[in-house]
C-alpha atoms as a PDB file:
ATOM      1  CA  UNK A   1      72.753  61.759 136.258  1.00  0.00           C
ATOM      2  CA  UNK A   2      72.836  65.208 135.575  1.00  0.00           C
ATOM      3  CA  UNK A   3      72.424  67.694 138.334  1.00  0.00           C
ATOM      4  CA  UNK A   4      69.299  69.595 135.924  1.00  0.00           C
ATOM      5  CA  UNK A   5      67.925  65.727 135.635  1.00  0.00           C
ATOM      6  CA  UNK A   6      68.210  65.015 139.713  1.00  0.00           C
ATOM      7  CA  UNK A   7      66.542  68.234 140.011  1.00  0.00           C
ATOM      8  CA  UNK A   8      63.431  67.138 138.157  1.00  0.00           C
ATOM      9  CA  UNK A   9      63.126  63.734 139.542  1.00  0.00           C
ATOM     10  CA  UNK A  10      63.808  65.510 143.038  1.00  0.00           C
ATOM     11  CA  UNK A  11      60.781  67.692 142.413  1.00  0.00           C
ATOM     12  CA  UNK A  12      58.826  64.451 141.270  1.00  0.00           C
ATOM     13  CA  UNK A  13      59.602  62.636 144.530  1.00  0.00           C
ATOM     14  CA  UNK A  14      58.711  64.978 146.614  1.00  0.00           C
ATOM     15  CA  UNK A  15      55.388  66.289 144.922  1.00  0.00           C
ATOM     16  CA  UNK A  16      54.278  62.742 145.336  1.00  0.00           C
ATOM     17  CA  UNK A  17      55.198  62.488 149.006  1.00  0.00           C
ATOM     18  CA  UNK A  18      53.573  65.834 149.454  1.00  0.00           C
ATOM     19  CA  UNK A  19      50.800  64.518 147.633  1.00  0.00           C
ATOM     20  CA  UNK A  20      50.605  61.485 150.443  1.00  0.00           C
ATOM     21  CA  UNK A  21      50.815  63.290 153.432  1.00  0.00           C
ATOM     22  CA  UNK A  22      47.934  65.464 151.924  1.00  0.00           C
ATOM     23  CA  UNK A  23      45.688  62.583 151.805  1.00  0.00           C
ATOM     24  CA  UNK A  24      46.845  61.475 155.051  1.00  0.00           C
ATOM     25  CA  UNK A  25      46.681  64.833 157.027  1.00  0.00           C
ATOM     26  CA  UNK A  26      49.735  64.008 158.434  1.00  0.00           C
ATOM     27  CA  UNK A  27      51.957  66.922 160.006  1.00  0.00           C
ATOM     28  CA  UNK A  28      49.667  69.791 158.566  1.00  0.00           C
ATOM     29  CA  UNK A  29      51.868  73.036 157.685  1.00  0.00           C
ATOM     30  CA  UNK A  30      55.214  71.272 157.499  1.00  0.00           C
ATOM     31  CA  UNK A  31      57.143  73.098 154.868  1.00  0.00           C
ATOM     32  CA  UNK A  32      59.171  70.986 152.235  1.00  0.00           C
ATOM     33  CA  UNK A  33      61.813  72.483 149.517  1.00  0.00           C
ATOM     34  CA  UNK A  34      64.120  70.711 146.576  1.00  0.00           C
ATOM     35  CA  UNK A  35      66.101  73.629 144.705  1.00  0.00           C
ATOM     36  CA  UNK A  36      68.997  73.908 142.196  1.00  0.00           C
ATOM     37  CA  UNK A  37      71.403  75.986 143.195  1.00  0.00           C
ATOM     38  CA  UNK A  38      74.313  78.412 141.621  1.00  0.00           C
ATOM     39  CA  UNK A  39      77.143  79.017 144.159  1.00  0.00           C
ATOM     40  CA  UNK A  40      79.402  81.940 143.960  1.00  0.00           C
ATOM     41  CA  UNK A  41      82.845  81.436 146.157  1.00  0.00           C
ATOM     42  CA  UNK A  42      85.527  83.978 145.549  1.00  0.00           C
ATOM     43  CA  UNK A  43      87.919  82.068 147.920  1.00  0.00           C
ATOM     44  CA  UNK A  44      88.330  79.371 145.235  1.00  0.00           C
ATOM     45  CA  UNK A  45      89.860  81.462 143.221  1.00  0.00           C
ATOM     46  CA  UNK A  46      92.732  82.657 145.448  1.00  0.00           C
ATOM     47  CA  UNK A  47      94.024  78.771 145.610  1.00  0.00           C
ATOM     48  CA  UNK A  48      96.993  78.335 143.660  1.00  0.00           C
ATOM     49  CA  UNK A  49      98.014  74.983 142.957  1.00  0.00           C
ATOM     50  CA  UNK A  50     101.514  73.884 142.131  1.00  0.00           C
ATOM     51  CA  UNK A  51     100.600  72.526 139.279  1.00  0.00           C
ATOM     52  CA  UNK A  52      99.192  75.655 137.896  1.00  0.00           C
ATOM     53  CA  UNK A  53      95.514  76.533 136.658  1.00  0.00           C
ATOM     54  CA  UNK A  54      92.836  77.489 138.910  1.00  0.00           C
ATOM     55  CA  UNK A  55      89.287  77.144 140.397  1.00  0.00           C
ATOM     56  CA  UNK A  56      86.121  78.175 138.797  1.00  0.00           C
ATOM     57  CA  UNK A  57      84.233  80.464 141.497  1.00  0.00           C
ATOM     58  CA  UNK A  58      80.814  79.483 140.000  1.00  0.00           C
ATOM     59  CA  UNK A  59      79.745  76.161 140.573  1.00  0.00           C
ATOM     60  CA  UNK A  60      76.198  74.006 140.832  1.00  0.00           C
ATOM     61  CA  UNK A  61      74.721  72.118 143.487  1.00  0.00           C
ATOM     62  CA  UNK A  62      71.362  70.421 144.600  1.00  0.00           C
ATOM     63  CA  UNK A  63      69.600  70.669 147.813  1.00  0.00           C
ATOM     64  CA  UNK A  64      66.460  70.221 150.023  1.00  0.00           C
ATOM     65  CA  UNK A  65      64.940  71.246 153.232  1.00  0.00           C
ATOM     66  CA  UNK A  66      62.003  70.576 155.358  1.00  0.00           C
ATOM     67  CA  UNK A  67      60.663  72.873 158.374  1.00  0.00           C
ATOM     68  CA  UNK A  68      58.084  72.498 161.110  1.00  0.00           C
ATOM     69  CA  UNK A  69      56.260  75.212 162.372  1.00  0.00           C
ATOM     70  CA  UNK A  70      57.339  75.466 166.383  1.00  0.00           C
ATOM     71  CA  UNK A  71      55.650  79.355 167.027  1.00  0.00           C
ATOM     72  CA  UNK A  72      53.356  81.870 165.952  1.00  0.00           C
ATOM     73  CA  UNK A  73      54.850  85.560 166.237  1.00  0.00           C
ATOM     74  CA  UNK A  74      51.749  88.031 165.393  1.00  0.00           C
ATOM     75  CA  UNK A  75      50.727  87.668 161.612  1.00  0.00           C
ATOM     76  CA  UNK A  76      54.448  85.624 161.144  1.00  0.00           C
ATOM     77  CA  UNK A  77      55.320  82.325 161.790  1.00  0.00           C
ATOM     78  CA  UNK A  78      58.424  80.596 162.983  1.00  0.00           C
ATOM     79  CA  UNK A  79      59.833  77.102 161.739  1.00  0.00           C
ATOM     80  CA  UNK A  80      62.349  75.168 162.885  1.00  0.00           C
ATOM     81  CA  UNK A  81      63.832  71.992 160.962  1.00  0.00           C
ATOM     82  CA  UNK A  82      67.036  71.111 158.668  1.00  0.00           C
ATOM     83  CA  UNK A  83      68.850  72.242 154.976  1.00  0.00           C
ATOM     84  CA  UNK A  84      71.238  69.932 153.294  1.00  0.00           C
ATOM     85  CA  UNK A  85      72.587  69.317 149.925  1.00  0.00           C
ATOM     86  CA  UNK A  86      76.029  69.197 147.644  1.00  0.00           C
ATOM     87  CA  UNK A  87      77.830  71.388 145.748  1.00  0.00           C
ATOM     88  CA  UNK A  88      80.527  71.254 143.277  1.00  0.00           C
ATOM     89  CA  UNK A  89      82.877  73.150 141.126  1.00  0.00           C
ATOM     90  CA  UNK A  90      85.221  72.460 138.170  1.00  0.00           C
ATOM     91  CA  UNK A  91      88.664  74.022 138.012  1.00  0.00           C
ATOM     92  CA  UNK A  92      91.166  74.097 134.993  1.00  0.00           C
ATOM     93  CA  UNK A  93      94.075  72.239 137.196  1.00  0.00           C
ATOM     94  CA  UNK A  94      95.365  69.166 135.926  1.00  0.00           C
ATOM     95  CA  UNK A  95      95.309  65.978 138.189  1.00  0.00           C
ATOM     96  CA  UNK A  96      97.189  62.717 136.476  1.00  0.00           C
ATOM     97  CA  UNK A  97      94.107  62.207 134.007  1.00  0.00           C
ATOM     98  CA  UNK A  98      92.137  64.888 134.317  1.00  0.00           C
ATOM     99  CA  UNK A  99      91.209  68.378 135.945  1.00  0.00           C
ATOM    100  CA  UNK A 100      90.935  68.648 139.427  1.00  0.00           C
ATOM    101  CA  UNK A 101      87.010  69.243 141.126  1.00  0.00           C
ATOM    102  CA  UNK A 102      85.418  70.487 144.033  1.00  0.00           C
ATOM    103  CA  UNK A 103      82.954  68.530 146.062  1.00  0.00           C
ATOM    104  CA  UNK A 104      80.921  70.319 148.839  1.00  0.00           C
ATOM    105  CA  UNK A 105      78.175  68.169 151.385  1.00  0.00           C
ATOM    106  CA  UNK A 106      76.465  70.112 154.148  1.00  0.00           C
ATOM    107  CA  UNK A 107      73.804  69.446 156.621  1.00  0.00           C
ATOM    108  CA  UNK A 108      72.193  72.625 158.792  1.00  0.00           C
ATOM    109  CA  UNK A 109      69.992  73.043 161.664  1.00  0.00           C
ATOM    110  CA  UNK A 110      68.131  76.017 160.935  1.00  0.00           C
ATOM    111  CA  UNK A 111      65.069  78.598 161.089  1.00  0.00           C
ATOM    112  CA  UNK A 112      62.906  80.277 158.933  1.00  0.00           C
ATOM    113  CA  UNK A 113      60.988  83.386 160.269  1.00  0.00           C
ATOM    114  CA  UNK A 114      58.232  83.536 157.405  1.00  0.00           C
ATOM    115  CA  UNK A 115      55.849  87.058 157.686  1.00  0.00           C
ATOM    116  CA  UNK A 116      54.447  89.434 154.305  1.00  0.00           C
ATOM    117  CA  UNK A 117      51.021  88.527 152.181  1.00  0.00           C
ATOM    118  CA  UNK A 118      50.303  84.748 152.970  1.00  0.00           C
ATOM    119  CA  UNK A 119      53.492  84.245 154.655  1.00  0.00           C
ATOM    120  CA  UNK A 120      55.412  84.583 151.093  1.00  0.00           C
ATOM    121  CA  UNK A 121      58.620  86.161 152.289  1.00  0.00           C
ATOM    122  CA  UNK A 122      60.934  84.381 154.796  1.00  0.00           C
ATOM    123  CA  UNK A 123      64.441  85.404 156.797  1.00  0.00           C
ATOM    124  CA  UNK A 124      66.556  82.321 157.180  1.00  0.00           C
ATOM    125  CA  UNK A 125      69.734  80.976 159.197  1.00  0.00           C
ATOM    126  CA  UNK A 126      71.483  77.778 160.576  1.00  0.00           C
ATOM    127  CA  UNK A 127      74.590  76.786 161.871  1.00  0.00           C
ATOM    128  CA  UNK A 128      75.626  73.697 159.510  1.00  0.00           C
ATOM    129  CA  UNK A 129      78.664  70.776 159.079  1.00  0.00           C
ATOM    130  CA  UNK A 130      80.102  71.121 155.737  1.00  0.00           C
ATOM    131  CA  UNK A 131      82.403  68.073 154.256  1.00  0.00           C
ATOM    132  CA  UNK A 132      84.957  69.580 150.980  1.00  0.00           C
ATOM    133  CA  UNK A 133      87.519  67.537 148.886  1.00  0.00           C
ATOM    134  CA  UNK A 134      89.235  68.550 145.945  1.00  0.00           C
ATOM    135  CA  UNK A 135      90.030  65.139 143.681  1.00  0.00           C
ATOM    136  CA  UNK A 136      89.981  64.092 140.585  1.00  0.00           C
ATOM    137  CA  UNK A 137      87.574  61.441 138.999  1.00  0.00           C
ATOM    138  CA  UNK A 138      88.424  60.429 135.054  1.00  0.00           C
ATOM    139  CA  UNK A 139      84.840  58.908 134.621  1.00  0.00           C
ATOM    140  CA  UNK A 140      85.972  57.933 130.735  1.00  0.00           C
ATOM    141  CA  UNK A 141      88.131  54.891 131.740  1.00  0.00           C
ATOM    142  CA  UNK A 142      84.897  53.161 133.034  1.00  0.00           C
ATOM    143  CA  UNK A 143      83.664  53.655 129.691  1.00  0.00           C
ATOM    144  CA  UNK A 144      86.741  52.666 127.171  1.00  0.00           C
ATOM    145  CA  UNK A 145      88.412  49.973 129.768  1.00  0.00           C
ATOM    146  CA  UNK A 146      85.823  48.836 131.666  1.00  0.00           C
ATOM    147  CA  UNK A 147      86.614  49.667 134.857  1.00  0.00           C
ATOM    148  CA  UNK A 148      85.779  51.575 137.858  1.00  0.00           C
ATOM    149  CA  UNK A 149      86.681  54.911 136.960  1.00  0.00           C
ATOM    150  CA  UNK A 150      90.309  56.738 138.019  1.00  0.00           C
ATOM    151  CA  UNK A 151      89.542  58.901 141.327  1.00  0.00           C
ATOM    152  CA  UNK A 152      92.505  60.510 143.137  1.00  0.00           C
ATOM    153  CA  UNK A 153      91.592  62.412 146.135  1.00  0.00           C
ATOM    154  CA  UNK A 154      94.485  64.873 147.040  1.00  0.00           C
ATOM    155  CA  UNK A 155      92.539  66.804 150.009  1.00  0.00           C
ATOM    156  CA  UNK A 156      89.233  66.735 152.536  1.00  0.00           C
ATOM    157  CA  UNK A 157      88.262  68.987 155.552  1.00  0.00           C
ATOM    158  CA  UNK A 158      85.312  69.667 157.462  1.00  0.00           C
ATOM    159  CA  UNK A 159      83.972  72.623 159.107  1.00  0.00           C
ATOM    160  CA  UNK A 160      81.069  74.027 160.825  1.00  0.00           C
ATOM    161  CA  UNK A 161      79.586  77.054 159.335  1.00  0.00           C
ATOM    162  CA  UNK A 162      76.584  79.629 159.837  1.00  0.00           C
ATOM    163  CA  UNK A 163      74.858  81.011 157.040  1.00  0.00           C
ATOM    164  CA  UNK A 164      71.839  83.607 156.609  1.00  0.00           C
ATOM    165  CA  UNK A 165      69.408  84.075 153.869  1.00  0.00           C
ATOM    166  CA  UNK A 166      66.052  84.997 152.400  1.00  0.00           C
ATOM    167  CA  UNK A 167      63.625  83.335 150.337  1.00  0.00           C
ATOM    168  CA  UNK A 168      60.546  84.316 148.622  1.00  0.00           C
ATOM    169  CA  UNK A 169      57.804  81.923 147.648  1.00  0.00           C
ATOM    170  CA  UNK A 170      55.759  82.757 144.515  1.00  0.00           C
ATOM    171  CA  UNK A 171      52.650  80.514 145.034  1.00  0.00           C
ATOM    172  CA  UNK A 172      50.307  79.144 142.806  1.00  0.00           C
ATOM    173  CA  UNK A 173      47.307  79.958 144.648  1.00  0.00           C
ATOM    174  CA  UNK A 174      46.106  82.657 147.895  1.00  0.00           C
ATOM    175  CA  UNK A 175      46.960  80.649 151.094  1.00  0.00           C
ATOM    176  CA  UNK A 176      50.154  79.633 152.516  1.00  0.00           C
ATOM    177  CA  UNK A 177      49.408  76.016 151.591  1.00  0.00           C
ATOM    178  CA  UNK A 178      49.741  76.082 147.994  1.00  0.00           C
ATOM    179  CA  UNK A 179      52.585  74.543 146.078  1.00  0.00           C
ATOM    180  CA  UNK A 180      54.883  77.446 145.090  1.00  0.00           C
ATOM    181  CA  UNK A 181      58.312  78.986 143.033  1.00  0.00           C
ATOM    182  CA  UNK A 182      60.552  79.070 145.498  1.00  0.00           C
ATOM    183  CA  UNK A 183      63.649  81.796 144.955  1.00  0.00           C
ATOM    184  CA  UNK A 184      66.376  82.160 147.889  1.00  0.00           C
ATOM    185  CA  UNK A 185      69.707  83.412 148.791  1.00  0.00           C
ATOM    186  CA  UNK A 186      72.260  82.048 150.889  1.00  0.00           C
ATOM    187  CA  UNK A 187      75.336  83.688 152.531  1.00  0.00           C
ATOM    188  CA  UNK A 188      77.480  80.828 154.155  1.00  0.00           C
ATOM    189  CA  UNK A 189      80.387  82.308 156.167  1.00  0.00           C
ATOM    190  CA  UNK A 190      83.432  79.196 155.558  1.00  0.00           C
ATOM    191  CA  UNK A 191      86.516  78.624 156.325  1.00  0.00           C
ATOM    192  CA  UNK A 192      88.558  75.215 155.886  1.00  0.00           C
ATOM    193  CA  UNK A 193      91.977  76.453 156.345  1.00  0.00           C
ATOM    194  CA  UNK A 194      94.845  75.209 154.709  1.00  0.00           C
ATOM    195  CA  UNK A 195      94.905  73.526 151.183  1.00  0.00           C
ATOM    196  CA  UNK A 196      97.685  71.425 150.504  1.00  0.00           C
ATOM    197  CA  UNK A 197      98.820  67.977 149.100  1.00  0.00           C
ATOM    198  CA  UNK A 198      98.089  65.547 151.763  1.00  0.00           C
ATOM    199  CA  UNK A 199      98.516  62.396 150.390  1.00  0.00           C
ATOM    200  CA  UNK A 200     102.147  61.390 149.794  1.00  0.00           C
ATOM    201  CA  UNK A 201     101.655  58.300 147.457  1.00  0.00           C
ATOM    202  CA  UNK A 202     100.030  61.216 144.742  1.00  0.00           C
ATOM    203  CA  UNK A 203     102.414  63.209 142.909  1.00  0.00           C
ATOM    204  CA  UNK A 204     102.383  66.817 144.149  1.00  0.00           C
ATOM    205  CA  UNK A 205      99.286  68.790 142.880  1.00  0.00           C
ATOM    206  CA  UNK A 206      98.322  71.373 144.972  1.00  0.00           C
ATOM    207  CA  UNK A 207     101.480  71.815 146.719  1.00  0.00           C
ATOM    208  CA  UNK A 208     102.603  72.163 150.494  1.00  0.00           C
ATOM    209  CA  UNK A 209     100.513  75.085 150.685  1.00  0.00           C
ATOM    210  CA  UNK A 210      97.931  75.945 147.677  1.00  0.00           C
ATOM    211  CA  UNK A 211      95.906  79.044 150.114  1.00  0.00           C
ATOM    212  CA  UNK A 212      93.711  79.393 152.540  1.00  0.00           C
ATOM    213  CA  UNK A 213      90.234  78.612 151.365  1.00  0.00           C
ATOM    214  CA  UNK A 214      88.365  80.777 153.796  1.00  0.00           C
ATOM    215  CA  UNK A 215      85.311  83.325 152.890  1.00  0.00           C
ATOM    216  CA  UNK A 216      81.970  84.173 152.377  1.00  0.00           C
ATOM    217  CA  UNK A 217      79.779  81.857 149.409  1.00  0.00           C
ATOM    218  CA  UNK A 218      77.073  82.872 147.910  1.00  0.00           C
ATOM    219  CA  UNK A 219      73.929  80.620 146.898  1.00  0.00           C
ATOM    220  CA  UNK A 220      71.189  81.319 144.552  1.00  0.00           C
ATOM    221  CA  UNK A 221      68.516  78.699 144.800  1.00  0.00           C
ATOM    222  CA  UNK A 222      65.813  77.857 142.192  1.00  0.00           C
ATOM    223  CA  UNK A 223      62.898  75.477 143.328  1.00  0.00           C
ATOM    224  CA  UNK A 224      59.551  74.282 144.374  1.00  0.00           C
ATOM    225  CA  UNK A 225      58.281  74.553 147.871  1.00  0.00           C
ATOM    226  CA  UNK A 226      55.095  72.620 149.315  1.00  0.00           C
ATOM    227  CA  UNK A 227      53.076  72.739 152.604  1.00  0.00           C
END
């Protein structure tokens, strides 16, 4: 299922869960969020695979978050919780059967400081665990030959990274509990170290040193938020 289709399904599921929570009056004030993401990571453009080509610095993804209010600061509030999701980007670098892709999964304990009129604005931050791989997936083999598809993983790494950001909720109602269209901007400070071939059984693809994958990644989020 394509990311946009997944996004629609996730919004429907979160909306249903939120309606049930309201009916049962559980955990008042909890904030749910689901987003479609666009990211720009300039560091990907610095990776030079031995086979040539380059990685796209722009990609897409899906993310979700849940936070609970823990403190009132005057007319503002502090929420603590978790963010998580995945991001992917393509490339023009050839593998054995198809071009290489990057896939990143992350989960992050995080906070939101919400303030402004009906708490529509928040400053966000956290420190997350990130998993990233560079691989090749040829789904066409599944359809043409009845197999499970071809996949080869050339490099994988994990890292802990902080992020900062801001979110603006455009609410359907006039209270902090109203459902909202959520627009967010996050800056992840990533450092995965050196990128190179890790599986000697595979043909030389990335090479012995394709570059260091380190630098800030900008993520723009479009989603829905519920409380």
